[in-house]
Protein backbone atom coordinates (compact mmCIF):
# COMPACT_ATOMS: atom_id res chain seq x y z
CA MET A 1 -20.62 25.23 11.69
CA LEU A 2 -22.24 25.87 15.09
CA PRO A 3 -20.48 29.23 16.20
CA PRO A 4 -21.61 31.05 13.13
CA TYR A 5 -25.33 30.13 14.08
CA LEU A 6 -24.61 30.97 17.84
CA MET A 7 -23.23 34.39 17.41
CA SER A 8 -26.41 35.05 14.67
CA ARG A 9 -28.51 34.57 17.85
CA THR A 10 -26.15 36.24 20.23
CA ILE A 11 -26.45 39.59 17.96
CA ASP A 12 -30.14 39.54 16.83
CA GLU A 13 -31.86 37.92 20.29
CA GLY A 14 -29.25 39.59 22.61
CA LEU A 15 -27.49 42.85 21.47
CA ARG A 16 -30.13 44.07 19.18
CA ALA A 17 -33.12 43.09 21.52
CA ARG A 18 -30.91 44.51 24.32
CA ASP A 19 -31.81 41.31 26.38
CA THR A 20 -29.02 40.78 29.00
CA GLY A 21 -30.22 37.57 29.97
CA ALA A 22 -30.46 36.09 26.48
CA LEU A 23 -26.87 37.66 25.67
CA ALA A 24 -25.42 36.27 28.46
CA GLY A 25 -27.15 32.69 27.70
CA TRP A 26 -25.86 32.75 23.80
CA VAL A 27 -22.24 34.13 24.57
CA ALA A 28 -21.99 31.17 27.30
CA ALA A 29 -23.06 28.56 24.31
CA VAL A 30 -20.52 30.55 22.03
CA LEU A 31 -17.70 29.80 24.57
CA VAL A 32 -18.93 26.18 25.14
CA ALA A 33 -19.19 25.47 21.51
CA GLY A 34 -15.68 26.86 21.14
CA ALA A 35 -14.18 24.65 23.64
CA ALA A 36 -15.89 21.90 22.62
CA ILE A 37 -14.52 22.61 18.95
CA ALA A 38 -10.91 22.99 20.59
CA VAL A 39 -11.04 19.63 22.33
CA LEU A 40 -12.53 17.96 19.16
CA GLY A 41 -9.84 19.38 17.04
CA ILE A 42 -7.06 17.96 19.32
CA LEU A 43 -8.77 14.43 19.10
CA ARG A 44 -9.16 14.74 15.24
CA HIS A 45 -5.14 15.42 15.31
CA ARG A 46 -4.38 12.49 17.21
CA THR A 47 -6.43 10.24 15.35
CA MET A 48 -5.16 11.35 11.81
CA THR A 49 -1.69 10.82 13.27
CA PHE A 50 -2.83 7.61 14.61
CA ILE A 51 -4.19 6.50 11.19
CA ARG A 52 -1.30 7.70 9.25
CA VAL A 53 1.69 5.99 11.18
CA ASP A 54 -0.74 2.66 11.69
CA ALA A 55 -1.41 2.53 7.70
CA ALA A 56 2.38 3.10 7.06
CA TYR A 57 3.60 0.44 9.43
CA ARG A 58 0.96 -2.21 8.78
CA THR A 59 1.99 -1.32 5.26
CA VAL A 60 5.65 -2.11 6.02
CA GLN A 61 4.67 -5.73 7.83
CA VAL A 62 2.60 -6.79 5.26
CA ILE A 63 5.04 -5.88 2.32
CA THR A 64 8.02 -7.36 4.61
CA ARG A 65 6.41 -10.55 4.98
CA HIS A 66 5.74 -10.97 1.30
CA VAL A 67 9.07 -10.05 0.32
CA THR A 68 10.79 -12.48 2.50
CA ARG A 69 8.29 -15.11 0.93
CA LEU A 70 9.40 -14.21 -2.51
CA GLY A 71 12.97 -14.56 -1.75
CA SER A 72 14.99 -14.61 -4.97
CA THR A 73 11.81 -14.13 -7.19
CA LEU A 74 11.80 -10.58 -6.14
CA PRO A 75 14.88 -9.50 -7.79
CA ARG A 76 13.48 -10.85 -10.93
CA HIS A 77 10.31 -8.25 -11.45
CA VAL A 78 11.30 -5.71 -9.18
CA SER A 79 14.24 -3.37 -8.96
CA ALA A 80 16.09 -1.92 -5.98
CA GLY A 81 15.08 1.63 -7.08
CA GLU A 82 11.43 0.41 -7.15
CA LEU A 83 11.55 -0.53 -3.83
CA THR A 84 13.59 2.27 -2.20
CA HIS A 85 10.98 4.78 -3.79
CA LEU A 86 8.04 2.01 -2.48
CA GLN A 87 9.71 2.53 0.81
CA ALA A 88 10.83 6.21 0.59
CA GLY A 89 7.20 7.69 -1.13
CA ASP A 90 4.49 5.02 -1.72
CA ILE A 91 4.16 3.78 1.97
CA SER A 92 3.77 7.84 3.16
CA ARG A 93 1.34 8.67 0.38
CA ILE A 94 -0.93 5.65 1.14
CA ALA A 95 -0.96 6.42 4.76
CA GLN A 96 -1.80 9.96 3.65
CA THR A 97 -4.57 9.01 1.78
CA LEU A 98 -6.37 7.46 4.56
CA THR A 99 -6.67 10.48 6.64
CA ILE A 100 -8.58 12.27 3.92
CA THR A 101 -11.39 9.75 4.68
CA GLY A 102 -12.51 10.95 7.93
CA PRO A 103 -12.28 15.10 7.06
CA GLY A 104 -14.01 14.12 3.45
CA VAL A 105 -16.74 12.63 5.26
CA GLY A 106 -16.97 15.54 7.57
CA ALA A 107 -16.40 18.24 4.77
CA ALA A 108 -19.50 16.45 2.98
CA VAL A 109 -21.85 16.46 5.92
CA ALA A 110 -20.70 20.51 6.83
CA TYR A 111 -21.13 21.45 3.26
CA ILE A 112 -24.86 19.57 3.52
CA ALA A 113 -25.24 21.02 6.77
CA THR A 114 -24.05 24.58 5.34
CA ALA A 115 -26.86 24.62 2.45
CA VAL A 116 -29.40 23.89 4.86
CA LEU A 117 -28.46 26.65 7.17
CA LEU A 118 -28.12 28.80 4.42
CA PHE A 119 -31.70 27.79 2.72
CA ASN A 120 -33.26 29.43 6.30
CA ILE A 121 -31.72 32.57 5.69
CA SER A 122 -31.59 33.17 1.64
CA ALA A 123 -32.18 30.82 -0.99
CA VAL A 124 -30.18 32.51 -3.31
CA LEU A 125 -27.08 32.26 -0.90
CA ALA A 126 -27.64 28.67 -0.67
CA VAL A 127 -27.73 28.03 -4.52
CA VAL A 128 -24.79 29.71 -4.61
CA VAL A 129 -22.60 27.68 -2.36
CA LEU A 130 -24.28 24.21 -3.49
CA LEU A 131 -22.74 25.42 -6.83
CA GLY A 132 -19.80 26.87 -5.93
CA VAL A 133 -17.97 24.33 -4.26
CA PRO A 134 -18.28 22.02 -7.50
CA LEU A 135 -16.93 24.41 -9.33
CA LEU A 136 -14.20 24.75 -7.54
CA ALA A 137 -13.32 21.11 -7.90
CA VAL A 138 -14.01 21.02 -11.40
CA THR A 139 -11.66 24.40 -11.97
CA VAL A 140 -8.56 22.33 -9.85
CA GLY A 141 -9.68 18.89 -11.86
CA PRO A 142 -7.58 19.02 -15.29
CA LEU A 143 -4.75 20.54 -13.50
CA LEU A 144 -4.59 17.59 -11.15
CA GLU A 145 -5.14 15.29 -13.88
CA ARG A 146 -2.23 16.84 -15.43
CA LEU A 147 -0.04 16.94 -12.29
CA HIS A 148 -0.73 13.15 -11.68
CA GLY A 149 0.28 12.08 -15.02
CA ALA A 150 3.47 14.19 -14.70
CA GLU A 151 4.26 13.02 -11.51
CA GLY A 152 3.47 9.16 -12.36
CA ASP A 153 6.37 9.78 -15.30
CA TYR A 154 8.84 11.28 -13.23
CA ARG A 155 8.51 8.72 -10.30
CA GLU A 156 8.84 5.84 -12.99
CA GLN A 157 12.20 7.32 -14.32
CA GLN A 158 13.62 8.46 -10.82
CA GLY A 159 13.16 4.66 -9.80
CA VAL A 160 15.35 3.61 -12.92
CA LEU A 161 18.02 6.44 -11.79
CA THR A 162 17.88 5.40 -8.22
CA ALA A 163 18.74 1.40 -9.29
CA LEU A 164 21.50 3.14 -11.47
CA ALA A 165 23.05 4.69 -8.66
CA GLY A 166 22.24 1.72 -6.08
CA ASP A 167 24.11 -0.16 -8.55
CA MET A 168 27.16 2.22 -8.89
CA VAL A 169 27.47 2.21 -5.47
CA THR A 170 27.52 -1.76 -4.77
CA GLY A 171 30.05 -1.99 -7.55
CA LEU A 172 32.13 0.63 -6.76
CA GLY A 173 35.13 -1.12 -5.99
CA VAL A 174 34.79 -2.94 -9.32
CA LEU A 175 34.27 0.01 -11.37
CA ASN A 176 37.27 1.71 -9.99
CA GLY A 177 39.68 -1.07 -10.69
CA MET A 178 38.36 -0.95 -14.16
CA GLY A 179 38.70 2.90 -14.59
CA GLY A 180 34.87 2.78 -15.53
CA LYS A 181 33.88 5.20 -12.62
CA PRO A 182 34.32 8.38 -14.97
CA LEU A 183 31.84 6.56 -17.46
CA PHE A 184 29.06 5.42 -15.18
CA ALA A 185 29.29 8.84 -13.26
CA ARG A 186 28.83 10.69 -16.71
CA ARG A 187 25.99 8.38 -17.35
CA TYR A 188 24.23 8.80 -14.37
CA ARG A 189 24.91 12.82 -14.83
CA GLU A 190 23.04 12.52 -17.94
CA ARG A 191 20.12 10.80 -16.90
CA SER A 192 19.64 12.68 -13.90
CA GLN A 193 20.00 16.20 -16.20
CA ALA A 194 17.12 14.25 -18.71
CA LEU A 195 15.34 14.49 -15.61
CA VAL A 196 15.50 18.26 -14.52
CA PRO A 197 12.93 18.98 -17.26
CA LEU A 198 10.30 16.69 -15.98
CA GLY A 199 11.19 17.74 -12.19
CA TYR A 200 10.22 21.23 -13.34
CA ARG A 201 6.99 20.62 -15.29
CA VAL A 202 5.82 18.62 -12.01
CA ALA A 203 7.18 21.70 -9.72
CA ALA A 204 5.05 24.06 -11.88
CA LEU A 205 1.81 22.24 -12.08
CA THR A 206 2.29 21.61 -8.57
CA SER A 207 2.67 25.30 -7.80
CA TRP A 208 -0.57 25.91 -9.60
CA VAL A 209 -2.58 23.59 -8.03
CA GLN A 210 -1.69 24.83 -4.43
CA ALA A 211 -2.12 28.62 -5.95
CA LEU A 212 -5.54 27.89 -7.09
CA GLY A 213 -6.52 25.70 -4.07
CA ALA A 214 -5.39 28.74 -1.78
CA CYS A 215 -7.00 31.36 -4.30
CA LEU A 216 -10.33 30.28 -5.32
CA PRO A 217 -11.84 29.71 -1.57
CA LEU A 218 -11.35 33.07 -0.94
CA LEU A 219 -12.41 34.42 -4.07
CA PHE A 220 -15.52 32.10 -3.19
CA LEU A 221 -15.60 33.74 0.23
CA ALA A 222 -15.74 37.12 -1.02
CA LEU A 223 -18.59 36.92 -3.79
CA VAL A 224 -20.73 35.17 -1.05
CA THR A 225 -19.72 37.96 1.76
CA TRP A 226 -20.72 40.37 -1.33
CA LEU A 227 -23.96 38.87 -1.85
CA GLY A 228 -24.99 38.79 1.89
CA ALA A 229 -23.92 42.32 2.29
CA ARG A 230 -26.47 43.51 -0.33
CA MET A 231 -29.01 41.64 1.32
CA ALA A 232 -28.29 43.24 4.17
CA ALA A 233 -28.38 46.72 3.07
CA ASP A 234 -31.80 46.26 1.69
CA GLY A 235 -33.15 44.52 4.17
CA SER A 236 -33.56 40.89 3.12
CA VAL A 237 -31.39 39.51 6.17
CA THR A 238 -30.64 40.91 9.54
CA VAL A 239 -27.15 41.56 10.64
CA GLY A 240 -27.22 38.91 12.66
CA GLU A 241 -28.01 36.67 9.63
CA LEU A 242 -25.21 38.49 7.77
CA VAL A 243 -22.73 37.61 10.34
CA ALA A 244 -23.94 34.21 10.31
CA VAL A 245 -23.62 33.97 6.56
CA TYR A 246 -19.98 35.02 6.69
CA GLY A 247 -19.19 32.77 9.50
CA TYR A 248 -20.78 29.76 7.60
CA VAL A 249 -18.79 30.18 4.31
CA ALA A 250 -15.43 30.98 6.32
CA ALA A 251 -15.94 27.89 8.13
CA LEU A 252 -16.97 26.02 4.75
CA LEU A 253 -13.47 27.00 3.43
CA VAL A 254 -11.75 23.89 5.63
CA PRO A 255 -14.05 21.76 4.30
CA VAL A 256 -13.50 23.17 0.45
CA SER A 257 -9.50 22.86 1.39
CA PHE A 258 -10.21 18.97 2.10
CA PHE A 259 -12.19 18.31 -1.02
CA ILE A 260 -9.19 19.89 -3.36
CA GLU A 261 -6.81 18.04 -0.87
CA GLY A 262 -8.50 14.56 -0.95
CA ALA A 263 -8.89 15.07 -4.84
CA ASP A 264 -5.16 15.52 -5.24
CA ASP A 265 -4.68 12.99 -2.43
CA LEU A 266 -6.89 10.26 -3.49
CA PRO A 267 -5.21 9.50 -7.08
CA ARG A 268 -1.91 9.49 -5.55
CA GLY A 269 -2.39 7.13 -3.29
CA LEU A 270 -4.19 4.76 -5.70
CA VAL A 271 -1.10 4.80 -7.67
CA SER A 272 0.93 4.02 -4.93
CA ALA A 273 -1.72 1.41 -3.43
CA ARG A 274 -1.35 -0.22 -7.00
CA ARG A 275 2.90 -0.52 -6.89
CA VAL A 276 2.37 -2.50 -3.54
CA VAL A 277 -0.64 -4.69 -5.00
CA ASP A 278 1.61 -5.15 -7.77
CA ILE A 279 4.50 -6.58 -5.43
CA LEU A 280 1.88 -8.46 -3.21
CA ALA A 281 0.56 -10.17 -6.55
CA LEU A 282 3.91 -11.74 -7.26
CA ALA A 283 4.22 -15.41 -6.03
CA PRO A 284 7.36 -17.38 -5.74
CA ASP A 285 8.38 -19.54 -8.40
CA SER A 286 8.39 -22.35 -6.09
CA ASP A 287 5.29 -21.96 -3.60
CA ARG A 288 5.34 -24.74 -0.61
CA HIS A 289 2.21 -23.29 1.17
CA GLY A 290 0.68 -26.91 0.99
CA ALA A 291 3.88 -28.84 1.41
CA ARG A 292 3.72 -30.90 4.28
CA VAL A 293 7.02 -33.31 3.59
CA ALA A 294 10.00 -32.65 5.88
CA ALA A 295 13.27 -32.61 4.47
CA PRO A 296 15.66 -35.96 4.63
CA THR A 297 17.41 -35.98 8.11
CA GLY A 298 19.99 -37.89 6.85
CA PRO A 299 22.62 -38.65 3.53
CA ALA A 300 20.41 -38.70 0.70
CA PRO A 301 21.22 -37.86 -3.35
CA LEU A 302 19.92 -34.69 -4.53
CA HIS A 303 18.77 -35.01 -8.23
CA ASP A 304 18.19 -32.49 -10.77
CA PRO A 305 16.50 -33.88 -14.05
CA ALA A 306 16.85 -31.16 -16.15
CA SER A 307 20.46 -31.04 -16.31
CA GLY A 308 21.12 -34.57 -15.11
CA LEU A 309 23.42 -33.36 -12.07
CA THR A 310 23.18 -36.14 -9.37
CA LEU A 311 24.88 -34.82 -6.06
CA ARG A 312 25.87 -38.02 -4.21
CA PRO A 313 25.46 -37.73 0.06
CA GLY A 314 28.56 -37.35 1.68
CA ARG A 315 30.99 -36.17 -1.45
CA LEU A 316 32.52 -32.96 -2.67
CA THR A 317 31.16 -32.18 -5.82
CA ALA A 318 32.46 -29.44 -8.13
CA LEU A 319 30.33 -27.78 -11.01
CA VAL A 320 31.57 -26.04 -14.17
CA SER A 321 30.50 -24.29 -16.86
CA ALA A 322 31.59 -21.59 -19.13
CA ARG A 323 28.19 -20.26 -18.76
CA PRO A 324 27.62 -18.89 -15.35
CA ASP A 325 23.88 -18.40 -15.65
CA GLN A 326 23.27 -21.79 -16.76
CA ALA A 327 25.44 -23.11 -13.78
CA ARG A 328 23.14 -20.62 -11.57
CA ALA A 329 19.92 -22.24 -13.13
CA VAL A 330 21.05 -25.73 -11.54
CA VAL A 331 21.63 -23.96 -8.35
CA ASP A 332 18.47 -22.41 -8.46
CA ARG A 333 16.55 -26.10 -9.01
CA LEU A 334 18.57 -27.67 -6.84
CA ALA A 335 17.72 -25.14 -3.93
CA GLY A 336 14.21 -25.10 -4.71
CA TYR A 337 14.26 -21.40 -5.66
CA GLN A 338 12.24 -22.47 -8.72
CA GLU A 339 9.47 -24.84 -9.44
CA SER A 340 11.55 -28.14 -10.94
CA ASP A 341 11.09 -31.92 -10.79
CA ALA A 342 14.46 -31.92 -8.75
CA THR A 343 14.26 -34.19 -5.93
CA TRP A 344 16.02 -35.24 -2.74
CA GLY A 345 15.90 -38.61 -1.61
CA SER A 346 12.36 -39.97 -2.58
CA SER A 347 10.98 -36.18 -2.43
CA ARG A 348 10.23 -33.78 -4.70
CA LEU A 349 11.57 -30.56 -3.81
CA SER A 350 8.63 -28.67 -4.36
CA ASP A 351 6.75 -31.37 -1.68
CA ILE A 352 8.90 -30.39 0.85
CA GLU A 353 8.40 -27.94 3.59
CA LEU A 354 10.06 -24.71 3.05
CA ALA A 355 11.18 -24.29 6.71
CA SER A 356 12.54 -28.04 6.88
CA LEU A 357 14.17 -27.51 3.32
CA ARG A 358 16.19 -24.27 4.44
CA SER A 359 17.43 -25.70 7.48
CA GLN A 360 18.97 -28.68 5.62
CA LEU A 361 19.98 -27.08 2.00
CA LEU A 362 22.11 -24.02 1.91
CA VAL A 363 23.28 -21.81 -0.63
CA SER A 364 26.27 -19.24 -0.12
CA ASP A 365 27.27 -16.95 -2.83
CA ASN A 366 28.80 -13.50 -3.09
CA ASP A 367 25.54 -11.79 -2.78
CA SER A 368 25.11 -13.20 0.53
CA TYR A 369 24.08 -10.25 2.87
CA LEU A 370 26.34 -9.85 5.87
CA PHE A 371 24.41 -8.11 8.78
CA GLY A 372 25.86 -5.71 11.10
CA GLY A 373 26.88 -6.11 14.59
CA PRO A 374 29.24 -8.07 16.38
CA LEU A 375 31.31 -10.22 14.06
CA ARG A 376 30.44 -13.41 16.58
CA SER A 377 26.61 -12.64 15.89
CA ALA A 378 27.44 -11.80 12.13
CA LEU A 379 29.26 -15.47 11.83
CA SER A 380 27.15 -17.46 14.25
CA VAL A 381 23.71 -16.03 13.55
CA HIS A 382 21.93 -18.03 16.23
CA ASP A 383 24.59 -17.66 19.03
CA ASP A 384 24.71 -21.15 19.43
CA HIS A 385 28.42 -21.97 18.77
CA SER A 386 31.03 -22.33 21.27
CA PRO A 387 34.23 -20.58 21.09
CA GLU A 388 36.25 -24.08 19.57
CA GLU A 389 33.33 -24.42 16.74
CA ILE A 390 33.73 -20.97 15.67
CA GLU A 391 37.76 -21.36 15.99
CA ARG A 392 37.58 -24.41 13.93
CA ALA A 393 35.53 -22.52 11.28
CA LEU A 394 37.71 -19.59 11.21
CA HIS A 395 40.50 -22.22 10.31
CA ALA A 396 38.62 -24.27 7.68
CA ALA A 397 38.06 -20.58 6.04
CA VAL A 398 41.46 -19.03 6.42
CA ALA A 399 39.88 -16.20 8.17
CA GLN A 400 41.81 -15.93 11.73
CA ASP A 401 43.93 -13.35 10.17
CA VAL A 402 40.36 -11.29 9.67
CA VAL A 403 39.49 -11.82 13.19
CA ALA A 404 43.17 -10.70 14.50
CA SER A 405 43.17 -7.71 12.77
CA MET A 406 40.04 -6.20 14.09
CA PRO A 407 40.35 -4.26 17.37
CA ASP A 408 38.17 -6.56 19.85
CA GLY A 409 38.67 -9.79 18.13
CA LEU A 410 34.79 -11.32 17.54
CA ASP A 411 33.55 -8.70 19.46
CA SER A 412 34.36 -6.23 17.34
CA PRO A 413 31.49 -4.45 15.27
CA LEU A 414 31.04 -5.34 11.76
CA ASP A 415 29.37 -2.83 9.37
CA SER A 416 26.31 -3.92 7.27
CA GLN A 417 27.31 -5.73 4.07
CA GLY A 418 30.88 -5.72 5.91
CA ARG A 419 31.82 -2.67 4.39
CA ASN A 420 34.66 -2.04 6.97
CA VAL A 421 36.84 -5.21 5.69
CA SER A 422 38.04 -5.96 2.09
CA GLY A 423 36.22 -7.83 -0.28
CA GLY A 424 38.48 -11.30 0.28
CA GLN A 425 37.78 -11.03 3.95
CA ARG A 426 34.02 -11.10 3.15
CA GLN A 427 34.10 -13.80 1.17
CA ARG A 428 35.90 -15.63 4.00
CA LEU A 429 33.51 -14.34 6.68
CA ARG A 430 30.56 -15.83 4.41
CA LEU A 431 32.43 -19.12 4.42
CA VAL A 432 33.01 -18.77 8.07
CA ARG A 433 29.11 -18.13 8.62
CA ALA A 434 28.22 -21.03 6.01
CA LEU A 435 30.17 -23.62 7.46
CA LEU A 436 28.95 -22.93 10.85
CA ALA A 437 25.35 -23.58 9.57
CA ASP A 438 26.65 -27.02 9.16
CA PRO A 439 23.53 -27.83 6.79
CA GLU A 440 23.10 -31.46 5.27
CA VAL A 441 23.87 -29.68 1.97
CA LEU A 442 25.85 -26.72 1.36
CA VAL A 443 26.18 -25.26 -2.09
CA LEU A 444 28.84 -22.44 -2.52
CA VAL A 445 29.08 -20.24 -5.42
CA GLU A 446 32.71 -19.05 -6.21
CA PRO A 447 33.73 -19.20 -2.78
CA THR A 448 37.34 -18.44 -3.46
CA SER A 449 37.05 -15.59 -6.46
CA ALA A 450 38.47 -12.79 -4.33
CA LEU A 451 41.17 -14.69 -2.78
CA ASP A 452 45.02 -14.82 -4.23
CA ALA A 453 46.08 -18.14 -5.30
CA HIS A 454 47.85 -19.17 -2.02
CA THR A 455 44.74 -18.62 0.33
CA GLU A 456 42.56 -20.32 -2.21
CA ALA A 457 44.83 -23.44 -2.34
CA THR A 458 44.35 -23.38 1.13
CA VAL A 459 40.77 -22.95 1.45
CA ALA A 460 40.26 -25.65 -0.66
CA THR A 461 42.13 -28.02 0.90
CA ARG A 462 40.24 -27.38 4.61
CA VAL A 463 37.03 -27.10 3.18
CA GLY A 464 36.85 -30.44 2.28
CA ALA A 465 38.28 -31.73 5.53
CA PHE A 466 35.48 -29.58 7.31
CA ARG A 467 32.54 -30.77 5.40
CA GLN A 468 34.00 -34.73 5.72
CA GLY A 469 30.77 -37.12 5.46
CA ARG A 470 28.38 -33.99 4.55
CA THR A 471 27.34 -33.29 0.71
CA THR A 472 28.95 -30.12 -0.59
CA LEU A 473 28.49 -28.49 -4.29
CA VAL A 474 31.31 -25.95 -5.35
CA VAL A 475 30.45 -23.75 -8.13
CA GLY A 476 33.45 -22.49 -10.02
CA THR A 477 36.39 -22.94 -12.57
CA SER A 478 39.24 -22.49 -10.35
CA PRO A 479 41.75 -25.39 -10.54
CA LEU A 480 42.88 -25.20 -7.24
CA LEU A 481 39.44 -25.90 -5.89
CA LEU A 482 38.42 -28.46 -8.70
CA GLY A 483 41.95 -30.56 -7.82
CA HIS A 484 40.46 -31.17 -4.35
CA ALA A 485 36.76 -32.31 -5.32
CA ASP A 486 35.76 -35.67 -5.20
CA GLU A 487 33.91 -35.38 -8.38
CA VAL A 488 33.69 -32.51 -11.17
CA VAL A 489 30.82 -32.16 -13.03
CA HIS A 490 31.38 -30.43 -16.85
CA LEU A 491 28.54 -28.49 -17.56
CA VAL A 492 27.89 -27.62 -21.66
CA ASP A 493 24.50 -25.95 -22.64
CA GLY A 494 22.60 -26.76 -19.07
CA LYS A 495 23.28 -30.62 -19.48
CA VAL A 496 26.33 -32.55 -17.72
CA ALA A 497 28.62 -33.76 -20.59
CA ALA A 498 31.41 -35.27 -18.30
CA THR A 499 31.58 -36.33 -14.90
CA GLY A 500 35.37 -37.58 -13.50
CA SER A 501 38.10 -36.23 -11.22
CA HIS A 502 39.81 -33.29 -12.05
CA GLY A 503 42.79 -35.18 -13.84
CA GLU A 504 40.40 -37.52 -15.61
CA LEU A 505 38.69 -34.78 -17.12
CA LEU A 506 41.68 -32.75 -17.92
CA ALA A 507 42.93 -35.63 -20.05
CA THR A 508 39.64 -36.61 -21.94
CA GLN A 509 37.77 -33.54 -22.37
CA PRO A 510 39.60 -30.83 -24.20
CA GLY A 511 36.56 -28.20 -23.80
CA TYR A 512 36.96 -28.38 -20.07
CA ALA A 513 40.93 -28.19 -20.02
CA ALA A 514 40.40 -25.06 -22.06
CA LEU A 515 37.76 -23.32 -19.80
CA VAL A 516 39.79 -24.45 -16.43
CA PHE A 517 42.96 -22.74 -18.12
CA ARG A 518 40.99 -19.86 -19.86
CA GLY A 519 42.21 -20.88 -23.10
CA ASP A 520 45.49 -20.79 -22.66
CA SER A 521 46.23 -23.81 -25.38
CA GLU A 522 49.90 -23.98 -25.00
CA GLY A 523 49.65 -24.60 -21.58
CA VAL A 524 46.41 -27.36 -21.78
CA PRO A 525 48.05 -30.42 -22.91
CA ALA A 526 51.07 -30.34 -20.23
CA ALA A 527 48.67 -29.61 -17.47
CA SER A 528 46.17 -31.66 -18.24
CA ALA A 529 49.07 -34.53 -18.79
CA ALA A 530 50.59 -33.18 -15.00
CA HIS A 531 46.77 -33.41 -13.49
CA ALA A 532 46.13 -36.77 -14.83
CA ARG A 533 49.33 -38.37 -13.42
CA GLU A 534 48.44 -36.32 -10.10
CA GLY A 535 45.15 -38.07 -10.24
CA ASP A 536 46.56 -41.68 -11.04
CA SER A 537 48.56 -40.99 -8.15
CA ARG A 538 46.19 -39.97 -5.84
C-alpha cells in the first residue's frame, strides 16, 4: 500500500507543484519502496515454501511413527486406499493450508490500512471498499461450500477405488490363475465410470470458483476506479489522489485473492487434518507404553487361556484349524498383537515391554514385507550373520537354488516385496529371514503353502532340525508339516479340541483326519492307520 501513497505525493507535490527537489525526493522514495517490496516478496516466497515443506515433512514423520506403533491394528481400521490418498493428497493440503496464515494476516492488515487511507481521501470510497470485500467473499461462499461437499464425496469414493486397485495388483497372480482378472477388471471399470460424473461436478464447481475469484476482484476494481474518476472530474479529489485510489484498489486485489483462496483452502485443510487426526487417535489393540517387564531370556511356556493352547518350550508345535481366522486370532494373542490374558512364563504378555517382546517372539507369514535391496541385506536385516549362518538358513529353507538362480548370488538386487522372484521363492526367502532372526519363539503361518510336495517335505524336515531346542509354532494343515511336529494341536471353534502326535490324531480324531486330507473320506481310514503305525514306530 506504500507505493500508491508515494506516487500520489510525487504527482501532487512534485509534478503539479513543479517542485524539482520534491519530485526527486518522492521518486527516490518510490524506488526505495519498490526495492524493499521486491526483497520482502522473495523472503515471503522463501518462508511460505519452507512452511509447506516443513509441515508436509513433520506430518509424514508423526504419521509414520504412529503407524509403526499401531502395527497390526492399522489394517483393521484404515484401508490401503485411504493411506494412499492421505500421502498423495491430504498431507499436501495441510501444508498448503498452513501457508494461508501469514498472507491471511497480511491481507487483513492491508484491508484495514487501505480503508484508513481511503477515508483520508473520500468516505464514500472507503465505505465501498469496506463493504465490497466482504460481499465478494459472501458471493463465492455458497459455491465453495458445495465444492467442498462434492470433493469430500469424491475423495471418499476414490479411496475405495484405490484400495480395490491395490488389492487387484497384489492378487494379480492369483486372479490370473483363477481366470478372475477380467471379472475384477470389469468391476473396477464400472466403479471408475460411476465416479466420472462426480468428478465432472467437482471440476465444474472448481471452474466457477476460479472464474469468480478472477472476475469479481476486477469488477470491484473497475467500480472503485469509476467512482474515483467521477470524483476527480468534479474536483472532489486531486489527480494524485485518483492515482492513489487506483493504486490502493489494484494492490488490494492481492489481499482479496488471498481471502478467496483462504476460504477455499481452509475447509479443505481442516478435512484433511481431521483424517490425519482420526488415524492419530487410533490406539494399538495392546498398548505397552507403561510396561516394564522384560521378555523371558530362556525357555518358558507360552499360554493362551482363551483357546487353551500352551506352547511348551523347546518343541515344534503345529496348530491345525478348519477356520484360518480362528487360528490367526490365537497367533495374534500369543504374539501380543491383541490385548489378552496370554502369558509367557510368569508374565502377562501385556506387561512385557514391546521392544523386548518383539526381539524374542517373531511371527512370519505370507504377508510379511520383503524389503528391496541386496539379497544379503534382505535376509540378514542387521548384516550381523556370517556366510556360514546364512548358508545354514538357506539350506534349512531349501533356498540355495533361489540364490544360485540370481546373477550375483547374495549380492543380487531384490525388488521390493520380492517381485523379481516367484511366489514359492518369496516364501522360502521369508523363511530364511525368520530362521536367521533366531528368536526364542518363532511362529510360522502357512510357511510352505506355495511349495511343491517334495520341497515342502524337505523344508519340514530341515526346519525342525534348525530350530532344535527353540520353541516353534507352525500354523497349517499340510500332512508333510504335521508329520514332523513334536506335538499337534487341533483347534475347533477357537478352542483346543485334541492334542497329540499327527499319527495319534489321525487314528482317534475323525474331524482332524477329514480336515488334513481335505475331506477325502475314502483315503482317510487307510491314511490314518498308516500314520498311526508310523507314529507308533517312531
